């Protein structure tokens, strides 16, 4: 009989790859739901050593990181940049495909 792993364990393992994490966070942003994006950030943080390790690397307190990524969290842009940078990621803005070349 083969041993199976839980979906969450497989997800966290995949999110250790920064390219996978970036694609995952981009998909979460596409949903347009803040809670979905914050959950995705929590999962990526877990893949990067957990909240304590990520908070230390981002030079944020663990408590403020938990608060920032809670369901009701509302991270400041500066904190979000620090968090993403600590995990080898960055935030970028792109034009909507239909908006390019319309001039």
C-alpha atoms as a PDB file:
ATOM      1  CA  UNK A   1       0.000   0.000   0.000  1.00  0.00           C
ATOM      2  CA  UNK A   2       1.363   3.450  -0.903  1.00  0.00           C
ATOM      3  CA  UNK A   3       1.546   6.237   1.590  1.00  0.00           C
ATOM      4  CA  UNK A   4      -0.452   9.330   0.639  1.00  0.00           C
ATOM      5  CA  UNK A   5       0.232  12.859   1.795  1.00  0.00           C
ATOM      6  CA  UNK A   6      -2.323  15.505   2.522  1.00  0.00           C
ATOM      7  CA  UNK A   7      -2.992  18.170  -0.088  1.00  0.00           C
ATOM      8  CA  UNK A   8      -1.704  20.899   2.248  1.00  0.00           C
ATOM      9  CA  UNK A   9       1.618  19.090   2.710  1.00  0.00           C
ATOM     10  CA  UNK A  10       2.049  18.754  -1.061  1.00  0.00           C
ATOM     11  CA  UNK A  11       1.091  22.392  -1.566  1.00  0.00           C
ATOM     12  CA  UNK A  12       3.601  23.633   1.012  1.00  0.00           C
ATOM     13  CA  UNK A  13       6.322  21.502  -0.561  1.00  0.00           C
ATOM     14  CA  UNK A  14       5.561  22.913  -4.037  1.00  0.00           C
ATOM     15  CA  UNK A  15       5.518  26.489  -2.710  1.00  0.00           C
ATOM     16  CA  UNK A  16       9.145  26.175  -1.603  1.00  0.00           C
ATOM     17  CA  UNK A  17       9.985  26.905  -5.255  1.00  0.00           C
ATOM     18  CA  UNK A  18       9.799  30.710  -5.731  1.00  0.00           C
ATOM     19  CA  UNK A  19       8.443  30.299  -9.278  1.00  0.00           C
ATOM     20  CA  UNK A  20       5.611  28.084  -8.019  1.00  0.00           C
ATOM     21  CA  UNK A  21       4.946  30.513  -5.173  1.00  0.00           C
ATOM     22  CA  UNK A  22       4.767  33.453  -7.600  1.00  0.00           C
ATOM     23  CA  UNK A  23       2.319  31.628  -9.874  1.00  0.00           C
ATOM     24  CA  UNK A  24       0.212  30.626  -6.852  1.00  0.00           C
ATOM     25  CA  UNK A  25       0.080  34.202  -5.528  1.00  0.00           C
ATOM     26  CA  UNK A  26      -0.754  35.574  -8.979  1.00  0.00           C
ATOM     27  CA  UNK A  27      -3.626  33.096  -9.281  1.00  0.00           C
ATOM     28  CA  UNK A  28      -4.859  34.150  -5.839  1.00  0.00           C
ATOM     29  CA  UNK A  29      -4.761  37.823  -6.874  1.00  0.00           C
ATOM     30  CA  UNK A  30      -6.745  36.995 -10.003  1.00  0.00           C
ATOM     31  CA  UNK A  31      -9.576  35.860  -7.734  1.00  0.00           C
ATOM     32  CA  UNK A  32      -9.950  39.468  -6.618  1.00  0.00           C
ATOM     33  CA  UNK A  33     -10.646  38.408  -3.039  1.00  0.00           C
ATOM     34  CA  UNK A  34      -8.430  39.794  -0.279  1.00  0.00           C
ATOM     35  CA  UNK A  35      -9.007  36.777   1.992  1.00  0.00           C
ATOM     36  CA  UNK A  36      -7.923  34.365  -0.758  1.00  0.00           C
ATOM     37  CA  UNK A  37      -4.731  36.365  -1.338  1.00  0.00           C
ATOM     38  CA  UNK A  38      -3.942  36.534   2.391  1.00  0.00           C
ATOM     39  CA  UNK A  39      -4.464  32.764   2.730  1.00  0.00           C
ATOM     40  CA  UNK A  40      -2.115  32.247  -0.215  1.00  0.00           C
ATOM     41  CA  UNK A  41       0.480  34.465   1.477  1.00  0.00           C
ATOM     42  CA  UNK A  42       0.134  32.427   4.688  1.00  0.00           C
ATOM     43  CA  UNK A  43       0.758  29.236   2.724  1.00  0.00           C
ATOM     44  CA  UNK A  44       3.829  30.715   1.023  1.00  0.00           C
ATOM     45  CA  UNK A  45       5.127  31.902   4.405  1.00  0.00           C
ATOM     46  CA  UNK A  46       4.657  28.384   5.775  1.00  0.00           C
ATOM     47  CA  UNK A  47       6.670  27.025   2.847  1.00  0.00           C
ATOM     48  CA  UNK A  48       9.455  29.488   3.656  1.00  0.00           C
ATOM     49  CA  UNK A  49      10.034  28.239   7.175  1.00  0.00           C
ATOM     50  CA  UNK A  50       6.896  29.385   8.944  1.00  0.00           C
ATOM     51  CA  UNK A  51       5.648  32.683  10.290  1.00  0.00           C
ATOM     52  CA  UNK A  52       8.422  33.123  12.842  1.00  0.00           C
ATOM     53  CA  UNK A  53      11.232  32.615  10.348  1.00  0.00           C
ATOM     54  CA  UNK A  54       9.611  34.806   7.705  1.00  0.00           C
ATOM     55  CA  UNK A  55       8.831  37.552  10.232  1.00  0.00           C
ATOM     56  CA  UNK A  56      12.467  37.615  11.330  1.00  0.00           C
ATOM     57  CA  UNK A  57      13.765  37.726   7.775  1.00  0.00           C
ATOM     58  CA  UNK A  58      11.257  40.472   6.830  1.00  0.00           C
ATOM     59  CA  UNK A  59      12.149  42.408   9.996  1.00  0.00           C
ATOM     60  CA  UNK A  60       8.537  42.316  11.167  1.00  0.00           C
ATOM     61  CA  UNK A  61       7.259  41.121  14.510  1.00  0.00           C
ATOM     62  CA  UNK A  62       5.639  37.717  14.411  1.00  0.00           C
ATOM     63  CA  UNK A  63       2.486  39.165  15.956  1.00  0.00           C
ATOM     64  CA  UNK A  64       2.179  41.860  13.301  1.00  0.00           C
ATOM     65  CA  UNK A  65       2.750  39.259  10.570  1.00  0.00           C
ATOM     66  CA  UNK A  66      -0.018  37.048  11.978  1.00  0.00           C
ATOM     67  CA  UNK A  67      -2.308  40.085  12.196  1.00  0.00           C
ATOM     68  CA  UNK A  68      -1.363  41.229   8.693  1.00  0.00           C
ATOM     69  CA  UNK A  69      -2.144  37.820   7.172  1.00  0.00           C
ATOM     70  CA  UNK A  70      -5.285  37.086   9.201  1.00  0.00           C
ATOM     71  CA  UNK A  71      -8.674  36.862   7.485  1.00  0.00           C
ATOM     72  CA  UNK A  72      -9.307  40.456   8.499  1.00  0.00           C
ATOM     73  CA  UNK A  73      -5.757  41.587   7.763  1.00  0.00           C
ATOM     74  CA  UNK A  74      -5.079  44.742   5.823  1.00  0.00           C
ATOM     75  CA  UNK A  75      -1.332  44.876   5.165  1.00  0.00           C
ATOM     76  CA  UNK A  76       0.376  48.154   4.425  1.00  0.00           C
ATOM     77  CA  UNK A  77       2.121  48.165   1.067  1.00  0.00           C
ATOM     78  CA  UNK A  78       5.520  48.633   2.733  1.00  0.00           C
ATOM     79  CA  UNK A  79       4.956  45.549   4.910  1.00  0.00           C
ATOM     80  CA  UNK A  80       3.757  43.567   1.917  1.00  0.00           C
ATOM     81  CA  UNK A  81       6.903  44.502  -0.036  1.00  0.00           C
ATOM     82  CA  UNK A  82       9.114  43.472   2.902  1.00  0.00           C
ATOM     83  CA  UNK A  83       7.272  40.184   3.307  1.00  0.00           C
ATOM     84  CA  UNK A  84       7.472  39.290  -0.379  1.00  0.00           C
ATOM     85  CA  UNK A  85      11.136  40.318  -0.614  1.00  0.00           C
ATOM     86  CA  UNK A  86      12.000  38.129   2.375  1.00  0.00           C
ATOM     87  CA  UNK A  87      10.628  35.141   0.447  1.00  0.00           C
ATOM     88  CA  UNK A  88      12.427  35.969  -2.808  1.00  0.00           C
ATOM     89  CA  UNK A  89       9.347  37.480  -4.447  1.00  0.00           C
ATOM     90  CA  UNK A  90       8.219  40.906  -5.623  1.00  0.00           C
ATOM     91  CA  UNK A  91       4.997  42.646  -6.530  1.00  0.00           C
ATOM     92  CA  UNK A  92       4.606  43.846 -10.126  1.00  0.00           C
ATOM     93  CA  UNK A  93       1.942  45.666 -12.108  1.00  0.00           C
ATOM     94  CA  UNK A  94       0.996  44.585 -15.617  1.00  0.00           C
ATOM     95  CA  UNK A  95      -1.362  46.064 -18.169  1.00  0.00           C
ATOM     96  CA  UNK A  96      -4.531  44.119 -18.910  1.00  0.00           C
ATOM     97  CA  UNK A  97      -4.050  42.192 -22.166  1.00  0.00           C
ATOM     98  CA  UNK A  98      -6.912  44.036 -23.842  1.00  0.00           C
ATOM     99  CA  UNK A  99      -5.366  47.406 -22.907  1.00  0.00           C
ATOM    100  CA  UNK A 100      -2.074  46.826 -24.705  1.00  0.00           C
ATOM    101  CA  UNK A 101      -1.693  48.214 -28.187  1.00  0.00           C
ATOM    102  CA  UNK A 102      -4.978  50.109 -28.184  1.00  0.00           C
ATOM    103  CA  UNK A 103      -3.447  53.535 -28.783  1.00  0.00           C
END
